[in-house]
Amino acid sequence: MAVRVEVAVAVVVKLPIDTLSLFSYTFFSMFDLTGKKALVTGGSRGIGRGIALALAKQGADVAVNYHRNAEEAQKVVAEILALGREAFSVQADVSDLATVSRMFAEIKSKWGKLDILVNNAGILQFKPFDQITAVDWDAMLNTNLRGQFFCAQEAARLMAQGGRIVNIASISSGGVGIASPMIAHYTASKGGVVGMTEALALELAPKGINVNAIAPGGIETDMTKGALVDEKARQGIIAAIPKGRLGRPEDIGAAAAFLASDEAEYITGVVLYVDGGWLAA
């Protein structure tokens, strides 16, 4: 693709070869992550897989975190290796601080540093408010919020100037006029992610580390199947989205690759809604 575009420019505009080389370098090196070391939590499937592959396609080496499914994580590792990047899987339950510490110790041992953390690991449970138990609440907050906080803390210790932390929030984070029933505990956890992102951005900016969040809208993954129990429900969600379709994991991956890049150097403390226009409707 790059070669075809360069030839077209040379023929139509008749640029000198030196100018053409400068143009192609400037144009095609945008969002280049070559040499960057990235960790994607919950990277074995769904949005996490989409993010891991997007970072690798832009040149990053990627550690793929998984909780239980080592086989799926290895499949993602194989896809990344096929792109010519370095990759390995690393097990950790982000709600368990002992395994989180072990995961980052392994990354430090292999790479000695970390440039990009995407805090993607999370759980979703549909349950009426009056049936949510203390066990349900703790599991949701410990994974979706506590896990992101302590992964960010560990990652920041391995980051130098130019580090990037991208937290995955949700369109159901609260405060934007879109609420969903039966996920009060999930909404609370993701609202906490938004507030935490802003606070960490302030603390880490003097160290040259950017902290942002992505808030996906309706993304079609295994995890969201509970919201799409039948085709009628699925079409009802699509009807609310101006783009006329559910999002895909690669849509979130593209946003993460941008926020991880040098081009996003002046962006920190923001929430990027990737929702097909749902909020604007």
C-alpha atoms as a PDB file:
ATOM      1  CA  MET A   1       0.000   0.000   0.000  1.00  0.00           C
ATOM      2  CA  ALA A   2       2.728   2.476   0.929  1.00  0.00           C
ATOM      3  CA  VAL A   3       4.576   1.860  -2.349  1.00  0.00           C
ATOM      4  CA  ARG A   4       1.467   2.458  -4.426  1.00  0.00           C
ATOM      5  CA  VAL A   5       0.765   5.761  -2.685  1.00  0.00           C
ATOM      6  CA  GLU A   6       4.360   6.966  -3.150  1.00  0.00           C
ATOM      7  CA  VAL A   7       4.288   6.156  -6.877  1.00  0.00           C
ATOM      8  CA  ALA A   8       1.015   8.007  -7.331  1.00  0.00           C
ATOM      9  CA  VAL A   9       2.453  11.097  -5.668  1.00  0.00           C
ATOM     10  CA  ALA A  10       5.592  10.945  -7.795  1.00  0.00           C
ATOM     11  CA  VAL A  11       3.652  10.696 -11.060  1.00  0.00           C
ATOM     12  CA  VAL A  12       0.894  13.216 -10.424  1.00  0.00           C
ATOM     13  CA  VAL A  13       2.827  15.856  -8.493  1.00  0.00           C
ATOM     14  CA  LYS A  14       6.216  15.130 -10.110  1.00  0.00           C
ATOM     15  CA  LEU A  15       8.118  15.574  -6.846  1.00  0.00           C
ATOM     16  CA  PRO A  16      11.925  15.266  -6.838  1.00  0.00           C
ATOM     17  CA  ILE A  17      13.052  11.987  -5.333  1.00  0.00           C
ATOM     18  CA  ASP A  18      14.509  13.667  -2.202  1.00  0.00           C
ATOM     19  CA  THR A  19      11.254  15.495  -1.541  1.00  0.00           C
ATOM     20  CA  LEU A  20       9.304  12.304  -2.121  1.00  0.00           C
ATOM     21  CA  SER A  21      11.455  10.438   0.387  1.00  0.00           C
ATOM     22  CA  LEU A  22      10.886  13.155   2.987  1.00  0.00           C
ATOM     23  CA  PHE A  23       7.140  13.097   2.312  1.00  0.00           C
ATOM     24  CA  SER A  24       6.862   9.337   2.579  1.00  0.00           C
ATOM     25  CA  TYR A  25       8.859   9.290   5.852  1.00  0.00           C
ATOM     26  CA  THR A  26       6.727  12.012   7.405  1.00  0.00           C
ATOM     27  CA  PHE A  27       3.439  10.532   6.233  1.00  0.00           C
ATOM     28  CA  PHE A  28       4.039   6.863   6.909  1.00  0.00           C
ATOM     29  CA  SER A  29       5.874   7.190  10.218  1.00  0.00           C
ATOM     30  CA  MET A  30       2.904   8.702  12.054  1.00  0.00           C
ATOM     31  CA  PHE A  31       1.879   6.695  15.134  1.00  0.00           C
ATOM     32  CA  ASP A  32       5.075   4.658  14.774  1.00  0.00           C
ATOM     33  CA  LEU A  33       5.638   2.582  17.920  1.00  0.00           C
ATOM     34  CA  THR A  34       8.787   0.807  16.769  1.00  0.00           C
ATOM     35  CA  GLY A  35      10.984  -0.092  19.722  1.00  0.00           C
ATOM     36  CA  LYS A  36       8.236   0.519  22.272  1.00  0.00           C
ATOM     37  CA  LYS A  37       7.467  -2.136  24.867  1.00  0.00           C
ATOM     38  CA  ALA A  38       3.767  -2.535  25.671  1.00  0.00           C
ATOM     39  CA  LEU A  39       1.662  -4.516  28.126  1.00  0.00           C
ATOM     40  CA  VAL A  40      -2.022  -5.131  27.412  1.00  0.00           C
ATOM     41  CA  THR A  41      -3.938  -6.585  30.345  1.00  0.00           C
ATOM     42  CA  GLY A  42      -6.759  -8.898  29.394  1.00  0.00           C
ATOM     43  CA  GLY A  43      -5.091  -9.157  26.005  1.00  0.00           C
ATOM     44  CA  SER A  44      -6.115 -12.689  25.070  1.00  0.00           C
ATOM     45  CA  ARG A  45      -9.502 -11.891  23.514  1.00  0.00           C
ATOM     46  CA  GLY A  46     -12.038  -9.255  22.549  1.00  0.00           C
ATOM     47  CA  ILE A  47     -10.995  -5.640  22.912  1.00  0.00           C
ATOM     48  CA  GLY A  48      -7.687  -6.636  24.509  1.00  0.00           C
ATOM     49  CA  ARG A  49      -6.728  -8.742  21.501  1.00  0.00           C
ATOM     50  CA  GLY A  50      -7.707  -5.895  19.168  1.00  0.00           C
ATOM     51  CA  ILE A  51      -5.502  -3.486  21.112  1.00  0.00           C
ATOM     52  CA  ALA A  52      -2.534  -5.862  21.285  1.00  0.00           C
ATOM     53  CA  LEU A  53      -2.605  -6.420  17.521  1.00  0.00           C
ATOM     54  CA  ALA A  54      -3.042  -2.708  16.775  1.00  0.00           C
ATOM     55  CA  LEU A  55       0.014  -1.812  18.848  1.00  0.00           C
ATOM     56  CA  ALA A  56       2.051  -4.564  17.196  1.00  0.00           C
ATOM     57  CA  LYS A  57       1.012  -3.426  13.710  1.00  0.00           C
ATOM     58  CA  GLN A  58       2.422  -0.002  14.579  1.00  0.00           C
ATOM     59  CA  GLY A  59       5.724  -1.581  15.612  1.00  0.00           C
ATOM     60  CA  ALA A  60       5.435  -2.233  19.351  1.00  0.00           C
ATOM     61  CA  ASP A  61       6.574  -5.379  21.118  1.00  0.00           C
ATOM     62  CA  VAL A  62       3.699  -6.639  23.252  1.00  0.00           C
ATOM     63  CA  ALA A  63       3.291  -8.595  26.474  1.00  0.00           C
ATOM     64  CA  VAL A  64      -0.143 -10.238  26.420  1.00  0.00           C
ATOM     65  CA  ASN A  65      -1.628 -10.624  29.881  1.00  0.00           C
ATOM     66  CA  TYR A  66      -4.236 -13.284  30.589  1.00  0.00           C
ATOM     67  CA  HIS A  67      -5.988 -14.545  33.684  1.00  0.00           C
ATOM     68  CA  ARG A  68      -7.058 -18.135  32.905  1.00  0.00           C
ATOM     69  CA  ASN A  69      -6.912 -18.874  29.179  1.00  0.00           C
ATOM     70  CA  ALA A  70      -3.259 -19.454  28.340  1.00  0.00           C
ATOM     71  CA  GLU A  71      -4.148 -21.035  24.999  1.00  0.00           C
ATOM     72  CA  GLU A  72      -6.000 -17.955  23.729  1.00  0.00           C
ATOM     73  CA  ALA A  73      -3.161 -15.705  24.907  1.00  0.00           C
ATOM     74  CA  GLN A  74      -0.674 -17.817  22.971  1.00  0.00           C
ATOM     75  CA  LYS A  75      -2.761 -17.441  19.823  1.00  0.00           C
ATOM     76  CA  VAL A  76      -2.489 -13.657  20.134  1.00  0.00           C
ATOM     77  CA  VAL A  77       1.249 -13.973  20.785  1.00  0.00           C
ATOM     78  CA  ALA A  78       1.569 -16.051  17.600  1.00  0.00           C
ATOM     79  CA  GLU A  79      -0.281 -13.383  15.595  1.00  0.00           C
ATOM     80  CA  ILE A  80       2.064 -10.704  16.900  1.00  0.00           C
ATOM     81  CA  LEU A  81       5.155 -12.778  16.191  1.00  0.00           C
ATOM     82  CA  ALA A  82       3.882 -13.245  12.634  1.00  0.00           C
ATOM     83  CA  LEU A  83       3.960  -9.448  12.292  1.00  0.00           C
ATOM     84  CA  GLY A  84       7.681  -9.516  13.080  1.00  0.00           C
ATOM     85  CA  ARG A  85       7.342  -8.135  16.581  1.00  0.00           C
ATOM     86  CA  GLU A  86       8.455  -9.582  19.916  1.00  0.00           C
ATOM     87  CA  ALA A  87       5.677 -10.965  22.103  1.00  0.00           C
ATOM     88  CA  PHE A  88       5.102 -13.204  25.089  1.00  0.00           C
ATOM     89  CA  SER A  89       2.184 -14.084  27.346  1.00  0.00           C
ATOM     90  CA  VAL A  90       2.165 -13.361  31.056  1.00  0.00           C
ATOM     91  CA  GLN A  91      -0.357 -14.639  33.567  1.00  0.00           C
ATOM     92  CA  ALA A  92      -1.873 -12.457  36.282  1.00  0.00           C
ATOM     93  CA  ASP A  93      -5.211 -11.833  37.909  1.00  0.00           C
ATOM     94  CA  VAL A  94      -5.219  -8.030  38.077  1.00  0.00           C
ATOM     95  CA  SER A  95      -7.367  -8.136  41.222  1.00  0.00           C
ATOM     96  CA  ASP A  96      -4.600 -10.091  42.985  1.00  0.00           C
ATOM     97  CA  LEU A  97      -1.696  -7.810  43.897  1.00  0.00           C
ATOM     98  CA  ALA A  98       0.731 -10.703  44.330  1.00  0.00           C
ATOM     99  CA  THR A  99       0.248 -11.867  40.739  1.00  0.00           C
ATOM    100  CA  VAL A 100       0.337  -8.265  39.486  1.00  0.00           C
ATOM    101  CA  SER A 101       3.736  -7.779  41.155  1.00  0.00           C
ATOM    102  CA  ARG A 102       4.949 -11.045  39.652  1.00  0.00           C
ATOM    103  CA  MET A 103       3.801  -9.971  36.175  1.00  0.00           C
ATOM    104  CA  PHE A 104       5.682  -6.681  36.310  1.00  0.00           C
ATOM    105  CA  ALA A 105       8.772  -8.400  37.718  1.00  0.00           C
ATOM    106  CA  GLU A 106       8.719 -10.674  34.668  1.00  0.00           C
ATOM    107  CA  ILE A 107       8.409  -7.697  32.328  1.00  0.00           C
ATOM    108  CA  LYS A 108      11.273  -5.932  34.082  1.00  0.00           C
ATOM    109  CA  SER A 109      13.395  -9.056  33.803  1.00  0.00           C
ATOM    110  CA  LYS A 110      12.712  -9.440  30.057  1.00  0.00           C
ATOM    111  CA  TRP A 111      12.725  -5.817  28.947  1.00  0.00           C
ATOM    112  CA  GLY A 112      14.059  -3.696  31.792  1.00  0.00           C
ATOM    113  CA  LYS A 113      11.430  -1.077  31.013  1.00  0.00           C
ATOM    114  CA  LEU A 114       7.857  -0.490  29.896  1.00  0.00           C
ATOM    115  CA  ASP A 115       6.698   2.248  27.522  1.00  0.00           C
ATOM    116  CA  ILE A 116       2.975   1.534  27.189  1.00  0.00           C
ATOM    117  CA  LEU A 117       0.385   0.069  29.543  1.00  0.00           C
ATOM    118  CA  VAL A 118      -3.156  -0.529  28.343  1.00  0.00           C
ATOM    119  CA  ASN A 119      -5.325  -1.310  31.369  1.00  0.00           C
ATOM    120  CA  ASN A 120      -7.946  -3.385  29.583  1.00  0.00           C
ATOM    121  CA  ALA A 121      -8.655  -6.366  31.865  1.00  0.00           C
ATOM    122  CA  GLY A 122     -12.174  -6.192  33.216  1.00  0.00           C
ATOM    123  CA  ILE A 123     -15.360  -8.072  33.971  1.00  0.00           C
ATOM    124  CA  LEU A 124     -19.015  -7.370  33.260  1.00  0.00           C
ATOM    125  CA  GLN A 125     -21.994  -8.821  35.072  1.00  0.00           C
ATOM    126  CA  PHE A 126     -25.673  -8.139  34.448  1.00  0.00           C
ATOM    127  CA  LYS A 127     -27.698  -8.198  37.634  1.00  0.00           C
ATOM    128  CA  PRO A 128     -30.593  -6.157  39.071  1.00  0.00           C
ATOM    129  CA  PHE A 129     -29.489  -3.578  41.627  1.00  0.00           C
ATOM    130  CA  ASP A 130     -31.352  -5.253  44.486  1.00  0.00           C
ATOM    131  CA  GLN A 131     -29.689  -8.590  43.773  1.00  0.00           C
ATOM    132  CA  ILE A 132     -26.063  -7.407  43.632  1.00  0.00           C
ATOM    133  CA  THR A 133     -24.218  -8.941  46.566  1.00  0.00           C
ATOM    134  CA  ALA A 134     -21.132  -7.750  48.419  1.00  0.00           C
ATOM    135  CA  VAL A 135     -19.217 -10.511  46.644  1.00  0.00           C
ATOM    136  CA  ASP A 136     -20.425  -9.223  43.251  1.00  0.00           C
ATOM    137  CA  TRP A 137     -19.512  -5.650  44.172  1.00  0.00           C
ATOM    138  CA  ASP A 138     -16.039  -6.520  45.425  1.00  0.00           C
ATOM    139  CA  ALA A 139     -15.254  -8.664  42.388  1.00  0.00           C
ATOM    140  CA  MET A 140     -16.285  -5.867  40.021  1.00  0.00           C
ATOM    141  CA  LEU A 141     -14.417  -3.067  41.796  1.00  0.00           C
ATOM    142  CA  ASN A 142     -11.347  -5.172  42.527  1.00  0.00           C
ATOM    143  CA  THR A 143     -10.909  -6.142  38.882  1.00  0.00           C
ATOM    144  CA  ASN A 144     -12.099  -3.068  37.014  1.00  0.00           C
ATOM    145  CA  LEU A 145     -10.805  -0.288  39.268  1.00  0.00           C
ATOM    146  CA  ARG A 146      -8.379  -1.592  41.883  1.00  0.00           C
ATOM    147  CA  GLY A 147      -6.631  -3.691  39.255  1.00  0.00           C
ATOM    148  CA  GLN A 148      -6.156  -0.713  36.933  1.00  0.00           C
ATOM    149  CA  PHE A 149      -4.801   1.444  39.745  1.00  0.00           C
ATOM    150  CA  PHE A 150      -2.130  -0.986  40.901  1.00  0.00           C
ATOM    151  CA  CYS A 151      -1.133  -1.960  37.357  1.00  0.00           C
ATOM    152  CA  ALA A 152      -0.659   1.747  36.615  1.00  0.00           C
ATOM    153  CA  GLN A 153       1.399   2.139  39.780  1.00  0.00           C
ATOM    154  CA  GLU A 154       3.687  -0.739  38.838  1.00  0.00           C
ATOM    155  CA  ALA A 155       3.940   0.395  35.211  1.00  0.00           C
ATOM    156  CA  ALA A 156       4.893   3.962  36.123  1.00  0.00           C
ATOM    157  CA  ARG A 157       7.920   2.624  38.022  1.00  0.00           C
ATOM    158  CA  LEU A 158       9.216   1.091  34.779  1.00  0.00           C
ATOM    159  CA  MET A 159       8.453   4.099  32.584  1.00  0.00           C
ATOM    160  CA  ALA A 160      10.659   6.988  31.547  1.00  0.00           C
ATOM    161  CA  GLN A 161       9.756  10.230  29.745  1.00  0.00           C
ATOM    162  CA  GLY A 162       7.264   9.441  27.003  1.00  0.00           C
ATOM    163  CA  GLY A 163       5.487   6.671  28.900  1.00  0.00           C
ATOM    164  CA  ARG A 164       1.832   6.074  28.117  1.00  0.00           C
ATOM    165  CA  ILE A 165      -0.933   4.654  30.301  1.00  0.00           C
ATOM    166  CA  VAL A 166      -4.276   4.034  28.594  1.00  0.00           C
ATOM    167  CA  ASN A 167      -7.147   2.974  30.847  1.00  0.00           C
ATOM    168  CA  ILE A 168     -10.246   1.348  29.413  1.00  0.00           C
ATOM    169  CA  ALA A 169     -13.383   2.955  30.812  1.00  0.00           C
ATOM    170  CA  SER A 170     -16.835   2.686  29.205  1.00  0.00           C
ATOM    171  CA  ILE A 171     -19.624   4.741  27.722  1.00  0.00           C
ATOM    172  CA  SER A 172     -21.410   3.472  30.853  1.00  0.00           C
ATOM    173  CA  SER A 173     -18.989   5.340  33.134  1.00  0.00           C
ATOM    174  CA  GLY A 174     -21.733   7.753  34.192  1.00  0.00           C
ATOM    175  CA  GLY A 175     -22.070  11.508  33.786  1.00  0.00           C
ATOM    176  CA  VAL A 176     -22.695  11.534  30.030  1.00  0.00           C
ATOM    177  CA  GLY A 177     -26.403  10.835  29.885  1.00  0.00           C
ATOM    178  CA  ILE A 178     -26.171   7.192  28.846  1.00  0.00           C
ATOM    179  CA  ALA A 179     -27.068   4.669  31.526  1.00  0.00           C
ATOM    180  CA  SER A 180     -27.857   0.983  31.343  1.00  0.00           C
ATOM    181  CA  PRO A 181     -29.903  -1.099  33.779  1.00  0.00           C
ATOM    182  CA  MET A 182     -28.535  -4.066  35.689  1.00  0.00           C
ATOM    183  CA  ILE A 183     -24.892  -2.915  35.711  1.00  0.00           C
ATOM    184  CA  ALA A 184     -24.827  -0.449  38.625  1.00  0.00           C
ATOM    185  CA  HIS A 185     -21.639  -1.988  40.030  1.00  0.00           C
ATOM    186  CA  TYR A 186     -19.973  -2.012  36.605  1.00  0.00           C
ATOM    187  CA  THR A 187     -20.893   1.645  36.045  1.00  0.00           C
ATOM    188  CA  ALA A 188     -19.468   2.543  39.459  1.00  0.00           C
ATOM    189  CA  SER A 189     -16.195   0.784  38.644  1.00  0.00           C
ATOM    190  CA  LYS A 190     -15.809   2.475  35.267  1.00  0.00           C
ATOM    191  CA  GLY A 191     -16.758   5.874  36.695  1.00  0.00           C
ATOM    192  CA  GLY A 192     -13.906   5.362  39.128  1.00  0.00           C
ATOM    193  CA  VAL A 193     -11.587   4.687  36.191  1.00  0.00           C
ATOM    194  CA  VAL A 194     -12.457   8.085  34.696  1.00  0.00           C
ATOM    195  CA  GLY A 195     -11.754   9.930  37.944  1.00  0.00           C
ATOM    196  CA  MET A 196      -8.561   7.970  38.537  1.00  0.00           C
ATOM    197  CA  THR A 197      -7.351   8.738  35.003  1.00  0.00           C
ATOM    198  CA  GLU A 198      -7.634  12.470  35.587  1.00  0.00           C
ATOM    199  CA  ALA A 199      -5.868  12.281  38.965  1.00  0.00           C
ATOM    200  CA  LEU A 200      -3.000  10.142  37.675  1.00  0.00           C
ATOM    201  CA  ALA A 201      -2.559  12.416  34.653  1.00  0.00           C
ATOM    202  CA  LEU A 202      -1.850  15.320  37.012  1.00  0.00           C
ATOM    203  CA  GLU A 203       0.613  13.373  39.136  1.00  0.00           C
ATOM    204  CA  LEU A 204       2.512  11.767  36.289  1.00  0.00           C
ATOM    205  CA  ALA A 205       2.682  14.698  33.849  1.00  0.00           C
ATOM    206  CA  PRO A 206       5.857  16.112  35.495  1.00  0.00           C
ATOM    207  CA  LYS A 207       7.502  12.742  34.854  1.00  0.00           C
ATOM    208  CA  GLY A 208       6.576  12.870  31.168  1.00  0.00           C
ATOM    209  CA  ILE A 209       3.997  10.081  31.435  1.00  0.00           C
ATOM    210  CA  ASN A 210       0.605  10.599  29.819  1.00  0.00           C
ATOM    211  CA  VAL A 211      -2.520   8.989  31.266  1.00  0.00           C
ATOM    212  CA  ASN A 212      -5.714   8.837  29.233  1.00  0.00           C
ATOM    213  CA  ALA A 213      -8.832   6.697  29.034  1.00  0.00           C
ATOM    214  CA  ILE A 214     -10.816   5.195  26.194  1.00  0.00           C
ATOM    215  CA  ALA A 215     -14.556   4.795  26.728  1.00  0.00           C
ATOM    216  CA  PRO A 216     -15.882   2.229  24.254  1.00  0.00           C
ATOM    217  CA  GLY A 217     -19.510   2.336  23.214  1.00  0.00           C
ATOM    218  CA  GLY A 218     -21.298  -0.792  22.046  1.00  0.00           C
ATOM    219  CA  ILE A 219     -18.480  -3.123  21.005  1.00  0.00           C
ATOM    220  CA  GLU A 220     -19.275  -6.610  19.762  1.00  0.00           C
ATOM    221  CA  THR A 221     -17.277  -9.049  21.906  1.00  0.00           C
ATOM    222  CA  ASP A 222     -17.889 -12.206  23.921  1.00  0.00           C
ATOM    223  CA  MET A 223     -18.103 -10.091  27.080  1.00  0.00           C
ATOM    224  CA  THR A 224     -20.985  -7.951  25.797  1.00  0.00           C
ATOM    225  CA  LYS A 225     -23.133 -10.854  24.604  1.00  0.00           C
ATOM    226  CA  GLY A 226     -25.183 -10.561  27.778  1.00  0.00           C
ATOM    227  CA  ALA A 227     -26.496  -7.233  26.476  1.00  0.00           C
ATOM    228  CA  LEU A 228     -27.325  -8.730  23.098  1.00  0.00           C
ATOM    229  CA  VAL A 229     -29.519 -11.605  24.207  1.00  0.00           C
ATOM    230  CA  ASP A 230     -31.445 -11.637  20.957  1.00  0.00           C
ATOM    231  CA  GLU A 231     -31.452  -9.933  17.574  1.00  0.00           C
ATOM    232  CA  LYS A 232     -34.138  -7.460  18.657  1.00  0.00           C
ATOM    233  CA  ALA A 233     -31.959  -6.203  21.517  1.00  0.00           C
ATOM    234  CA  ARG A 234     -28.958  -6.035  19.188  1.00  0.00           C
ATOM    235  CA  GLN A 235     -30.838  -3.989  16.615  1.00  0.00           C
ATOM    236  CA  GLY A 236     -32.154  -1.692  19.358  1.00  0.00           C
ATOM    237  CA  ILE A 237     -28.587  -0.795  20.349  1.00  0.00           C
ATOM    238  CA  ILE A 238     -27.525  -0.349  16.730  1.00  0.00           C
ATOM    239  CA  ALA A 239     -30.475   1.997  16.154  1.00  0.00           C
ATOM    240  CA  ALA A 240     -29.031   4.357  18.791  1.00  0.00           C
ATOM    241  CA  ILE A 241     -25.651   4.519  17.025  1.00  0.00           C
ATOM    242  CA  PRO A 242     -25.390   7.034  14.141  1.00  0.00           C
ATOM    243  CA  LYS A 243     -22.687   4.963  12.425  1.00  0.00           C
ATOM    244  CA  GLY A 244     -25.265   2.194  12.088  1.00  0.00           C
ATOM    245  CA  ARG A 245     -23.182  -0.650  13.477  1.00  0.00           C
ATOM    246  CA  LEU A 246     -21.664  -1.981  16.653  1.00  0.00           C
ATOM    247  CA  GLY A 247     -18.019  -1.221  17.234  1.00  0.00           C
ATOM    248  CA  ARG A 248     -15.257  -3.744  16.649  1.00  0.00           C
ATOM    249  CA  PRO A 249     -12.199  -4.466  18.816  1.00  0.00           C
ATOM    250  CA  GLU A 250      -9.958  -2.970  16.133  1.00  0.00           C
ATOM    251  CA  ASP A 251     -11.804   0.365  16.517  1.00  0.00           C
ATOM    252  CA  ILE A 252     -10.600   0.520  20.109  1.00  0.00           C
ATOM    253  CA  GLY A 253      -7.179  -0.745  19.067  1.00  0.00           C
ATOM    254  CA  ALA A 254      -6.754   2.165  16.664  1.00  0.00           C
ATOM    255  CA  ALA A 255      -7.618   4.659  19.410  1.00  0.00           C
ATOM    256  CA  ALA A 256      -5.154   3.014  21.792  1.00  0.00           C
ATOM    257  CA  ALA A 257      -2.376   3.091  19.187  1.00  0.00           C
ATOM    258  CA  PHE A 258      -2.946   6.818  18.694  1.00  0.00           C
ATOM    259  CA  LEU A 259      -2.899   7.616  22.416  1.00  0.00           C
ATOM    260  CA  ALA A 260       0.265   5.522  22.802  1.00  0.00           C
ATOM    261  CA  SER A 261       2.050   7.405  20.022  1.00  0.00           C
ATOM    262  CA  ASP A 262       4.323  10.443  20.053  1.00  0.00           C
ATOM    263  CA  GLU A 263       1.640  12.337  18.125  1.00  0.00           C
ATOM    264  CA  ALA A 264      -0.494  12.274  21.294  1.00  0.00           C
ATOM    265  CA  GLU A 265       2.269  13.830  23.423  1.00  0.00           C
ATOM    266  CA  TYR A 266       0.131  16.856  24.405  1.00  0.00           C
ATOM    267  CA  ILE A 267      -2.943  14.777  25.278  1.00  0.00           C
ATOM    268  CA  THR A 268      -3.293  13.683  28.883  1.00  0.00           C
ATOM    269  CA  GLY A 269      -6.130  13.385  31.381  1.00  0.00           C
ATOM    270  CA  VAL A 270      -8.833  12.982  28.742  1.00  0.00           C
ATOM    271  CA  VAL A 271     -11.506  10.394  28.027  1.00  0.00           C
ATOM    272  CA  LEU A 272     -11.803   9.457  24.364  1.00  0.00           C
ATOM    273  CA  TYR A 273     -15.280   8.131  23.582  1.00  0.00           C
ATOM    274  CA  VAL A 274     -15.157   5.609  20.746  1.00  0.00           C
ATOM    275  CA  ASP A 275     -18.852   5.047  20.260  1.00  0.00           C
ATOM    276  CA  GLY A 276     -19.880   5.557  16.634  1.00  0.00           C
ATOM    277  CA  GLY A 277     -21.565   8.845  17.543  1.00  0.00           C
ATOM    278  CA  TRP A 278     -23.798   7.411  20.279  1.00  0.00           C
ATOM    279  CA  LEU A 279     -23.158  10.337  22.640  1.00  0.00           C
ATOM    280  CA  ALA A 280     -23.846  12.882  19.914  1.00  0.00           C
ATOM    281  CA  ALA A 281     -27.194  11.380  18.958  1.00  0.00           C
END
